[in-house]
């Protein structure tokens, strides 16, 4: 995959960092999206990913953006494409959850989870697909959860968002797959 570029949302820790690390190990240039995290955490993730590549290369780009904001998503894609010249793979990984029973979840908590998980996936997919459509194609991977099929107590907003991502992904595949 030498010369291929990937953008992974929520890539400075957890599953996102593991995905970004594996992509770098396989020759991808990797844009590491994060939001509102301590610089030391971001720096450590970027250093770990960068260590997998040749020392003369600078194929890792940390990019802070709140994927709930269309203007920040647009700026993130402009920065990634400006730095690497292309985008071949988007991995919509960023996600949050609130552990509370349905009757205790606040509107603000609901909005945070649904806007991060589902709206962020939508905004990033739209930006990536517009670029990919005009530049020879690419791949978009949306991370789901066991919550796609089963309800989990005290995860109402997360479960709703992941179920939404499953159907959004099917719709996007129908429209963009050709």
N, C-alpha and C. Protein backbone atom coordinates (compact mmCIF):
# COMPACT_ATOMS: atom_id res chain seq x y z
N UNK A 1 0.81 -1.20 0.00
CA UNK A 1 0.00 0.00 0.00
C UNK A 1 0.85 1.26 0.00
N UNK A 2 2.08 1.14 -0.47
CA UNK A 2 2.96 2.30 -0.53
C UNK A 2 2.31 3.42 -1.33
N UNK A 3 2.38 4.62 -0.79
CA UNK A 3 1.83 5.78 -1.48
C UNK A 3 0.36 6.01 -1.24
N UNK A 4 -0.31 5.09 -0.56
CA UNK A 4 -1.72 5.25 -0.24
C UNK A 4 -1.85 6.12 1.02
N UNK A 5 -2.93 6.87 1.09
CA UNK A 5 -3.17 7.74 2.24
C UNK A 5 -4.46 7.34 2.94
N UNK A 6 -4.38 7.28 4.27
CA UNK A 6 -5.55 6.95 5.09
C UNK A 6 -5.76 8.04 6.12
N UNK A 7 -7.01 8.33 6.40
CA UNK A 7 -7.41 9.21 7.50
C UNK A 7 -8.22 8.35 8.46
N UNK A 8 -7.78 8.32 9.71
CA UNK A 8 -8.48 7.56 10.75
C UNK A 8 -8.97 8.55 11.80
N UNK A 9 -10.28 8.58 12.03
CA UNK A 9 -10.80 9.47 13.07
C UNK A 9 -10.66 8.79 14.43
N UNK A 10 -10.42 9.61 15.45
CA UNK A 10 -10.22 9.06 16.79
C UNK A 10 -9.03 8.12 16.84
N UNK A 11 -7.93 8.54 16.22
CA UNK A 11 -6.80 7.63 15.99
C UNK A 11 -5.66 7.77 16.99
N UNK A 12 -5.83 8.54 18.04
CA UNK A 12 -4.71 8.74 18.95
C UNK A 12 -4.73 7.78 20.14
N UNK A 13 -5.75 6.90 20.20
CA UNK A 13 -5.80 5.93 21.30
C UNK A 13 -6.75 4.79 20.93
N UNK A 14 -6.69 3.74 21.71
CA UNK A 14 -7.62 2.63 21.57
C UNK A 14 -7.62 1.98 20.20
N UNK A 15 -8.80 1.61 19.75
CA UNK A 15 -8.95 0.91 18.47
C UNK A 15 -8.42 1.77 17.32
N UNK A 16 -8.69 3.06 17.35
CA UNK A 16 -8.23 3.95 16.29
C UNK A 16 -6.72 3.97 16.15
N UNK A 17 -6.04 4.00 17.28
CA UNK A 17 -4.57 3.98 17.23
C UNK A 17 -4.07 2.65 16.67
N UNK A 18 -4.71 1.57 17.04
CA UNK A 18 -4.31 0.25 16.52
C UNK A 18 -4.53 0.18 15.01
N UNK A 19 -5.64 0.73 14.54
CA UNK A 19 -5.91 0.76 13.10
C UNK A 19 -4.85 1.60 12.38
N UNK A 20 -4.59 2.79 12.90
CA UNK A 20 -3.60 3.69 12.29
C UNK A 20 -2.21 3.04 12.29
N UNK A 21 -1.87 2.37 13.37
CA UNK A 21 -0.58 1.70 13.47
C UNK A 21 -0.45 0.60 12.43
N UNK A 22 -1.49 -0.20 12.28
CA UNK A 22 -1.45 -1.29 11.29
C UNK A 22 -1.38 -0.75 9.87
N UNK A 23 -2.12 0.33 9.61
CA UNK A 23 -2.05 0.94 8.28
C UNK A 23 -0.64 1.44 7.99
N UNK A 24 -0.01 2.10 8.95
CA UNK A 24 1.37 2.58 8.78
C UNK A 24 2.32 1.40 8.56
N UNK A 25 2.11 0.35 9.31
CA UNK A 25 2.95 -0.85 9.17
C UNK A 25 2.85 -1.42 7.75
N UNK A 26 1.71 -1.19 7.11
CA UNK A 26 1.48 -1.69 5.76
C UNK A 26 1.75 -0.63 4.68
N UNK A 27 2.44 0.44 5.04
CA UNK A 27 2.92 1.40 4.06
C UNK A 27 2.04 2.61 3.81
N UNK A 28 0.93 2.71 4.48
CA UNK A 28 0.08 3.89 4.30
C UNK A 28 0.69 5.13 4.93
N UNK A 29 0.44 6.28 4.30
CA UNK A 29 0.61 7.56 4.97
C UNK A 29 -0.66 7.73 5.79
N UNK A 30 -0.52 8.13 7.04
CA UNK A 30 -1.67 8.12 7.94
C UNK A 30 -1.90 9.49 8.56
N UNK A 31 -3.14 9.97 8.41
CA UNK A 31 -3.58 11.17 9.12
C UNK A 31 -4.29 10.70 10.39
N UNK A 32 -3.80 11.18 11.52
CA UNK A 32 -4.29 10.78 12.84
C UNK A 32 -5.19 11.89 13.36
N UNK A 33 -6.49 11.67 13.29
CA UNK A 33 -7.45 12.65 13.82
C UNK A 33 -7.62 12.45 15.32
N UNK A 34 -7.71 13.57 16.01
CA UNK A 34 -7.99 13.57 17.45
C UNK A 34 -8.74 14.86 17.76
N UNK A 35 -9.27 14.93 18.98
CA UNK A 35 -9.95 16.14 19.39
C UNK A 35 -9.84 16.33 20.89
N UNK A 36 -9.33 17.48 21.27
CA UNK A 36 -9.34 17.92 22.66
C UNK A 36 -8.62 16.95 23.59
N UNK A 37 -7.52 16.38 23.13
CA UNK A 37 -6.73 15.47 23.95
C UNK A 37 -5.41 16.13 24.34
N UNK A 38 -4.83 15.68 25.45
CA UNK A 38 -3.54 16.25 25.87
C UNK A 38 -2.46 16.03 24.81
N UNK A 39 -1.63 17.03 24.63
CA UNK A 39 -0.56 16.95 23.63
C UNK A 39 0.33 15.73 23.86
N UNK A 40 0.58 15.38 25.10
CA UNK A 40 1.45 14.23 25.38
C UNK A 40 0.85 12.94 24.84
N UNK A 41 -0.45 12.77 24.92
CA UNK A 41 -1.12 11.58 24.40
C UNK A 41 -1.03 11.53 22.88
N UNK A 42 -1.28 12.65 22.24
CA UNK A 42 -1.20 12.73 20.78
C UNK A 42 0.23 12.50 20.32
N UNK A 43 1.18 13.17 20.96
CA UNK A 43 2.59 13.03 20.58
C UNK A 43 3.06 11.57 20.70
N UNK A 44 2.65 10.90 21.76
CA UNK A 44 3.05 9.50 21.96
C UNK A 44 2.47 8.61 20.86
N UNK A 45 1.21 8.81 20.50
CA UNK A 45 0.59 8.01 19.45
C UNK A 45 1.27 8.25 18.11
N UNK A 46 1.52 9.51 17.79
CA UNK A 46 2.16 9.85 16.52
C UNK A 46 3.58 9.26 16.47
N UNK A 47 4.31 9.36 17.57
CA UNK A 47 5.68 8.81 17.62
C UNK A 47 5.67 7.30 17.41
N UNK A 48 4.71 6.63 18.02
CA UNK A 48 4.62 5.17 17.87
C UNK A 48 4.34 4.79 16.41
N UNK A 49 3.44 5.51 15.78
CA UNK A 49 3.11 5.23 14.38
C UNK A 49 4.28 5.60 13.48
N UNK A 50 4.89 6.73 13.73
CA UNK A 50 6.02 7.19 12.92
C UNK A 50 7.20 6.22 13.00
N UNK A 51 7.39 5.58 14.14
CA UNK A 51 8.52 4.65 14.32
C UNK A 51 8.43 3.45 13.40
N UNK A 52 7.27 3.18 12.84
CA UNK A 52 7.10 2.04 11.94
C UNK A 52 7.54 2.35 10.52
N UNK A 53 7.84 3.59 10.25
CA UNK A 53 8.18 4.01 8.89
C UNK A 53 9.65 4.40 8.79
N UNK A 54 10.11 4.51 7.57
CA UNK A 54 11.51 4.88 7.34
C UNK A 54 11.78 6.26 7.93
N UNK A 55 12.97 6.43 8.55
CA UNK A 55 13.27 7.69 9.24
C UNK A 55 13.21 8.93 8.35
N UNK A 56 13.51 8.78 7.07
CA UNK A 56 13.52 9.94 6.18
C UNK A 56 12.11 10.35 5.74
N UNK A 57 11.14 9.52 6.02
CA UNK A 57 9.77 9.82 5.63
C UNK A 57 9.04 10.55 6.76
N UNK A 58 8.14 11.40 6.38
CA UNK A 58 7.26 12.02 7.37
C UNK A 58 5.84 11.76 6.90
N UNK A 59 5.40 10.52 7.12
CA UNK A 59 4.13 10.05 6.59
C UNK A 59 3.03 9.93 7.64
N UNK A 60 3.17 10.69 8.71
CA UNK A 60 2.14 10.71 9.74
C UNK A 60 1.77 12.17 9.99
N UNK A 61 0.48 12.44 9.94
CA UNK A 61 0.00 13.81 10.13
C UNK A 61 -1.04 13.84 11.23
N UNK A 62 -0.69 14.42 12.38
CA UNK A 62 -1.72 14.61 13.41
C UNK A 62 -2.60 15.79 13.01
N UNK A 63 -3.91 15.61 13.13
CA UNK A 63 -4.82 16.69 12.75
C UNK A 63 -5.99 16.74 13.74
N UNK A 64 -6.05 17.84 14.47
CA UNK A 64 -7.12 18.02 15.44
C UNK A 64 -8.35 18.58 14.75
N UNK A 65 -9.48 17.92 14.99
CA UNK A 65 -10.76 18.40 14.45
C UNK A 65 -11.89 17.76 15.22
N UNK A 66 -12.90 18.54 15.47
CA UNK A 66 -14.13 18.04 16.08
C UNK A 66 -15.02 17.57 14.94
N UNK A 67 -15.20 16.27 14.82
CA UNK A 67 -15.95 15.73 13.68
C UNK A 67 -17.45 16.02 13.76
N UNK A 68 -17.89 16.65 14.83
CA UNK A 68 -19.29 17.07 14.94
C UNK A 68 -19.53 18.38 14.19
N UNK A 69 -18.46 19.03 13.75
CA UNK A 69 -18.54 20.35 13.12
C UNK A 69 -18.19 20.25 11.63
N UNK A 70 -19.12 20.63 10.77
CA UNK A 70 -18.86 20.54 9.33
C UNK A 70 -17.67 21.41 8.92
N UNK A 71 -17.52 22.58 9.51
CA UNK A 71 -16.40 23.44 9.12
C UNK A 71 -15.06 22.82 9.56
N UNK A 72 -15.03 22.18 10.72
CA UNK A 72 -13.78 21.53 11.15
C UNK A 72 -13.49 20.28 10.32
N UNK A 73 -14.52 19.57 9.94
CA UNK A 73 -14.32 18.40 9.08
C UNK A 73 -13.77 18.83 7.72
N UNK A 74 -14.34 19.88 7.16
CA UNK A 74 -13.85 20.39 5.88
C UNK A 74 -12.39 20.81 6.00
N UNK A 75 -12.06 21.54 7.05
CA UNK A 75 -10.67 21.97 7.26
C UNK A 75 -9.74 20.77 7.45
N UNK A 76 -10.19 19.74 8.13
CA UNK A 76 -9.38 18.54 8.34
C UNK A 76 -9.07 17.88 7.00
N UNK A 77 -10.09 17.70 6.16
CA UNK A 77 -9.87 17.07 4.86
C UNK A 77 -8.97 17.93 3.98
N UNK A 78 -9.16 19.24 4.01
CA UNK A 78 -8.28 20.13 3.25
C UNK A 78 -6.84 19.97 3.69
N UNK A 79 -6.63 19.87 4.99
CA UNK A 79 -5.27 19.73 5.52
C UNK A 79 -4.64 18.40 5.12
N UNK A 80 -5.40 17.32 5.24
CA UNK A 80 -4.88 15.99 4.89
C UNK A 80 -4.56 15.91 3.40
N UNK A 81 -5.48 16.35 2.58
CA UNK A 81 -5.27 16.28 1.12
C UNK A 81 -4.17 17.25 0.71
N UNK A 82 -4.11 18.40 1.35
CA UNK A 82 -3.02 19.35 1.07
C UNK A 82 -1.66 18.79 1.42
N UNK A 83 -1.57 18.05 2.51
CA UNK A 83 -0.29 17.49 2.95
C UNK A 83 0.12 16.28 2.13
N UNK A 84 -0.83 15.41 1.81
CA UNK A 84 -0.50 14.14 1.16
C UNK A 84 -0.91 14.08 -0.31
N UNK A 85 -1.73 15.02 -0.76
CA UNK A 85 -2.11 15.07 -2.17
C UNK A 85 -3.21 14.11 -2.57
N UNK A 86 -3.63 13.26 -1.67
CA UNK A 86 -4.65 12.27 -2.02
C UNK A 86 -5.28 11.70 -0.76
N UNK A 87 -6.38 10.99 -0.94
CA UNK A 87 -7.01 10.25 0.14
C UNK A 87 -7.57 8.97 -0.46
N UNK A 88 -7.09 7.84 0.04
CA UNK A 88 -7.51 6.55 -0.48
C UNK A 88 -8.41 5.78 0.46
N UNK A 89 -8.32 6.10 1.74
CA UNK A 89 -9.06 5.35 2.74
C UNK A 89 -9.47 6.28 3.89
N UNK A 90 -10.74 6.21 4.24
CA UNK A 90 -11.26 6.87 5.44
C UNK A 90 -11.73 5.78 6.38
N UNK A 91 -11.29 5.84 7.63
CA UNK A 91 -11.81 4.94 8.66
C UNK A 91 -12.52 5.80 9.69
N UNK A 92 -13.85 5.69 9.70
CA UNK A 92 -14.68 6.41 10.67
C UNK A 92 -14.70 5.59 11.96
N UNK A 93 -13.79 5.93 12.85
CA UNK A 93 -13.62 5.19 14.10
C UNK A 93 -14.06 5.98 15.33
N UNK A 94 -13.94 7.29 15.30
CA UNK A 94 -14.19 8.10 16.49
C UNK A 94 -15.57 7.80 17.07
N UNK A 95 -15.61 7.67 18.38
CA UNK A 95 -16.89 7.41 19.03
C UNK A 95 -16.81 7.66 20.53
N UNK A 96 -17.94 7.99 21.09
CA UNK A 96 -18.06 8.18 22.52
C UNK A 96 -19.31 7.45 23.00
N UNK A 97 -19.40 7.24 24.30
CA UNK A 97 -20.59 6.62 24.86
C UNK A 97 -20.87 7.19 26.24
N UNK A 98 -22.11 7.08 26.64
CA UNK A 98 -22.54 7.51 27.97
C UNK A 98 -23.23 6.32 28.62
N UNK A 99 -22.71 5.89 29.76
CA UNK A 99 -23.28 4.76 30.49
C UNK A 99 -24.34 5.27 31.46
N UNK A 100 -25.58 5.32 31.01
CA UNK A 100 -26.68 5.75 31.87
C UNK A 100 -27.97 5.08 31.38
N UNK A 101 -28.87 4.79 32.30
CA UNK A 101 -30.18 4.29 31.87
C UNK A 101 -30.92 5.35 31.05
N UNK A 102 -31.80 4.90 30.21
CA UNK A 102 -32.57 5.76 29.32
C UNK A 102 -33.16 6.98 30.03
N UNK A 103 -33.76 6.77 31.16
CA UNK A 103 -34.45 7.87 31.83
C UNK A 103 -33.51 8.86 32.50
N UNK A 104 -32.22 8.54 32.57
CA UNK A 104 -31.25 9.44 33.19
C UNK A 104 -30.37 10.18 32.18
N UNK A 105 -30.41 9.78 30.91
CA UNK A 105 -29.59 10.44 29.89
C UNK A 105 -30.12 11.84 29.64
N UNK A 106 -29.22 12.82 29.69
CA UNK A 106 -29.62 14.20 29.41
C UNK A 106 -29.60 14.47 27.91
N UNK A 107 -30.25 15.52 27.51
CA UNK A 107 -30.23 15.91 26.10
C UNK A 107 -28.80 16.19 25.64
N UNK A 108 -28.01 16.83 26.49
CA UNK A 108 -26.62 17.14 26.14
C UNK A 108 -25.80 15.87 25.93
N UNK A 109 -26.02 14.87 26.78
CA UNK A 109 -25.30 13.59 26.63
C UNK A 109 -25.74 12.87 25.35
N UNK A 110 -27.04 12.87 25.10
CA UNK A 110 -27.55 12.27 23.87
C UNK A 110 -26.91 12.94 22.65
N UNK A 111 -26.92 14.27 22.63
CA UNK A 111 -26.37 15.01 21.50
C UNK A 111 -24.88 14.73 21.32
N UNK A 112 -24.13 14.67 22.41
CA UNK A 112 -22.70 14.39 22.31
C UNK A 112 -22.46 13.03 21.64
N UNK A 113 -23.17 12.02 22.07
CA UNK A 113 -22.96 10.67 21.53
C UNK A 113 -23.44 10.57 20.08
N UNK A 114 -24.66 11.00 19.83
CA UNK A 114 -25.22 10.87 18.48
C UNK A 114 -24.47 11.78 17.50
N UNK A 115 -24.14 12.99 17.92
CA UNK A 115 -23.41 13.89 17.02
C UNK A 115 -21.99 13.41 16.73
N UNK A 116 -21.31 12.86 17.73
CA UNK A 116 -19.96 12.35 17.50
C UNK A 116 -20.01 11.10 16.63
N UNK A 117 -20.80 10.13 17.05
CA UNK A 117 -20.77 8.83 16.40
C UNK A 117 -21.45 8.82 15.03
N UNK A 118 -22.65 9.35 14.95
CA UNK A 118 -23.42 9.26 13.70
C UNK A 118 -23.21 10.48 12.80
N UNK A 119 -23.38 11.67 13.34
CA UNK A 119 -23.20 12.87 12.52
C UNK A 119 -21.75 12.97 12.05
N UNK A 120 -20.80 12.68 12.92
CA UNK A 120 -19.39 12.72 12.53
C UNK A 120 -19.10 11.75 11.40
N UNK A 121 -19.67 10.56 11.47
CA UNK A 121 -19.52 9.57 10.40
C UNK A 121 -20.09 10.11 9.10
N UNK A 122 -21.27 10.70 9.17
CA UNK A 122 -21.91 11.30 8.00
C UNK A 122 -21.05 12.41 7.38
N UNK A 123 -20.60 13.35 8.21
CA UNK A 123 -19.84 14.49 7.70
C UNK A 123 -18.52 14.03 7.06
N UNK A 124 -17.83 13.12 7.72
CA UNK A 124 -16.55 12.64 7.18
C UNK A 124 -16.75 11.82 5.92
N UNK A 125 -17.78 10.98 5.90
CA UNK A 125 -18.07 10.18 4.70
C UNK A 125 -18.37 11.09 3.52
N UNK A 126 -19.17 12.12 3.75
CA UNK A 126 -19.51 13.04 2.67
C UNK A 126 -18.27 13.70 2.09
N UNK A 127 -17.40 14.20 2.97
CA UNK A 127 -16.18 14.87 2.49
C UNK A 127 -15.28 13.89 1.73
N UNK A 128 -15.08 12.72 2.30
CA UNK A 128 -14.21 11.73 1.65
C UNK A 128 -14.79 11.31 0.30
N UNK A 129 -16.09 11.03 0.27
CA UNK A 129 -16.72 10.56 -0.96
C UNK A 129 -16.66 11.61 -2.07
N UNK A 130 -16.82 12.85 -1.71
CA UNK A 130 -16.73 13.91 -2.73
C UNK A 130 -15.34 13.93 -3.35
N UNK A 131 -14.31 13.82 -2.52
CA UNK A 131 -12.95 13.80 -3.06
C UNK A 131 -12.72 12.53 -3.88
N UNK A 132 -13.07 11.39 -3.31
CA UNK A 132 -12.82 10.11 -3.97
C UNK A 132 -13.55 9.99 -5.30
N UNK A 133 -14.76 10.51 -5.37
CA UNK A 133 -15.55 10.47 -6.60
C UNK A 133 -14.83 11.18 -7.74
N UNK A 134 -14.17 12.27 -7.42
CA UNK A 134 -13.48 13.07 -8.43
C UNK A 134 -12.03 12.64 -8.67
N UNK A 135 -11.53 11.68 -7.88
CA UNK A 135 -10.12 11.31 -7.97
C UNK A 135 -9.89 9.81 -8.05
N UNK A 136 -10.79 9.10 -8.70
CA UNK A 136 -10.53 7.70 -8.99
C UNK A 136 -10.99 6.68 -7.95
N UNK A 137 -11.73 7.11 -6.94
CA UNK A 137 -12.29 6.15 -5.99
C UNK A 137 -11.51 6.07 -4.70
N UNK A 138 -11.89 5.11 -3.88
CA UNK A 138 -11.27 4.91 -2.58
C UNK A 138 -12.17 4.03 -1.73
N UNK A 139 -11.85 3.92 -0.46
CA UNK A 139 -12.61 3.08 0.45
C UNK A 139 -12.97 3.86 1.70
N UNK A 140 -14.16 3.56 2.21
CA UNK A 140 -14.63 4.16 3.46
C UNK A 140 -15.08 3.02 4.36
N UNK A 141 -14.52 2.99 5.57
CA UNK A 141 -14.85 1.95 6.54
C UNK A 141 -15.47 2.63 7.75
N UNK A 142 -16.67 2.19 8.12
CA UNK A 142 -17.36 2.72 9.29
C UNK A 142 -17.39 1.64 10.37
N UNK A 143 -16.91 1.97 11.55
CA UNK A 143 -16.90 0.99 12.62
C UNK A 143 -18.25 0.93 13.32
N UNK A 144 -18.71 -0.28 13.48
CA UNK A 144 -19.97 -0.53 14.17
C UNK A 144 -19.69 -1.06 15.55
N UNK A 145 -20.61 -1.89 16.02
CA UNK A 145 -20.54 -2.41 17.38
C UNK A 145 -21.51 -3.57 17.48
N UNK A 146 -21.37 -4.37 18.52
CA UNK A 146 -22.38 -5.37 18.80
C UNK A 146 -23.73 -4.73 19.06
N UNK A 147 -23.70 -3.44 19.38
CA UNK A 147 -24.94 -2.68 19.60
C UNK A 147 -25.73 -2.49 18.31
N UNK A 148 -25.15 -2.84 17.17
CA UNK A 148 -25.89 -2.75 15.91
C UNK A 148 -27.10 -3.68 15.93
N UNK A 149 -26.98 -4.80 16.63
CA UNK A 149 -28.01 -5.84 16.58
C UNK A 149 -28.71 -6.08 17.92
N UNK A 150 -28.04 -5.78 19.00
CA UNK A 150 -28.58 -6.05 20.32
C UNK A 150 -28.59 -4.79 21.17
N UNK A 151 -29.66 -4.64 21.93
CA UNK A 151 -29.73 -3.51 22.86
C UNK A 151 -28.89 -3.84 24.10
N UNK A 152 -28.14 -2.86 24.55
CA UNK A 152 -27.33 -3.01 25.75
C UNK A 152 -27.87 -2.05 26.81
N UNK A 153 -28.22 -2.56 27.98
CA UNK A 153 -28.73 -1.67 29.03
C UNK A 153 -27.75 -0.54 29.35
N UNK A 154 -28.27 0.64 29.56
CA UNK A 154 -27.51 1.83 29.93
C UNK A 154 -26.60 2.35 28.82
N UNK A 155 -26.88 1.96 27.59
CA UNK A 155 -26.12 2.47 26.44
C UNK A 155 -27.07 2.97 25.35
N UNK A 156 -28.13 3.63 25.74
CA UNK A 156 -29.18 3.99 24.79
C UNK A 156 -28.69 4.88 23.64
N UNK A 157 -27.97 5.92 23.93
CA UNK A 157 -27.52 6.83 22.87
C UNK A 157 -26.50 6.13 21.97
N UNK A 158 -25.59 5.38 22.58
CA UNK A 158 -24.57 4.66 21.82
C UNK A 158 -25.22 3.62 20.91
N UNK A 159 -26.15 2.86 21.46
CA UNK A 159 -26.83 1.83 20.68
C UNK A 159 -27.59 2.46 19.51
N UNK A 160 -28.29 3.55 19.76
CA UNK A 160 -29.02 4.24 18.70
C UNK A 160 -28.06 4.74 17.62
N UNK A 161 -26.93 5.30 18.03
CA UNK A 161 -25.98 5.83 17.05
C UNK A 161 -25.36 4.72 16.21
N UNK A 162 -25.01 3.60 16.83
CA UNK A 162 -24.39 2.50 16.09
C UNK A 162 -25.38 1.81 15.17
N UNK A 163 -26.63 1.71 15.59
CA UNK A 163 -27.66 1.20 14.68
C UNK A 163 -27.83 2.12 13.48
N UNK A 164 -27.78 3.43 13.74
CA UNK A 164 -27.86 4.41 12.67
C UNK A 164 -26.68 4.30 11.71
N UNK A 165 -25.50 4.06 12.25
CA UNK A 165 -24.31 3.91 11.40
C UNK A 165 -24.45 2.70 10.49
N UNK A 166 -25.02 1.62 11.02
CA UNK A 166 -25.20 0.43 10.18
C UNK A 166 -26.07 0.73 8.96
N UNK A 167 -27.20 1.38 9.18
CA UNK A 167 -28.08 1.70 8.05
C UNK A 167 -27.49 2.78 7.17
N UNK A 168 -26.81 3.75 7.77
CA UNK A 168 -26.13 4.79 6.98
C UNK A 168 -25.10 4.14 6.05
N UNK A 169 -24.36 3.19 6.55
CA UNK A 169 -23.34 2.51 5.76
C UNK A 169 -23.97 1.76 4.58
N UNK A 170 -25.07 1.10 4.83
CA UNK A 170 -25.76 0.39 3.74
C UNK A 170 -26.25 1.37 2.68
N UNK A 171 -26.82 2.48 3.10
CA UNK A 171 -27.27 3.50 2.16
C UNK A 171 -26.11 4.09 1.37
N UNK A 172 -25.03 4.40 2.07
CA UNK A 172 -23.85 4.96 1.39
C UNK A 172 -23.29 3.97 0.37
N UNK A 173 -23.28 2.68 0.72
CA UNK A 173 -22.77 1.66 -0.20
C UNK A 173 -23.60 1.60 -1.46
N UNK A 174 -24.92 1.69 -1.31
CA UNK A 174 -25.80 1.67 -2.47
C UNK A 174 -25.56 2.87 -3.38
N UNK A 175 -25.41 4.04 -2.76
CA UNK A 175 -25.25 5.25 -3.56
C UNK A 175 -23.85 5.45 -4.11
N UNK A 176 -22.84 5.03 -3.32
CA UNK A 176 -21.46 5.33 -3.70
C UNK A 176 -20.71 4.13 -4.28
N UNK A 177 -21.22 2.94 -4.06
CA UNK A 177 -20.50 1.74 -4.43
C UNK A 177 -20.12 1.61 -5.88
N UNK A 178 -20.91 2.19 -6.74
CA UNK A 178 -20.61 2.10 -8.18
C UNK A 178 -19.38 2.89 -8.52
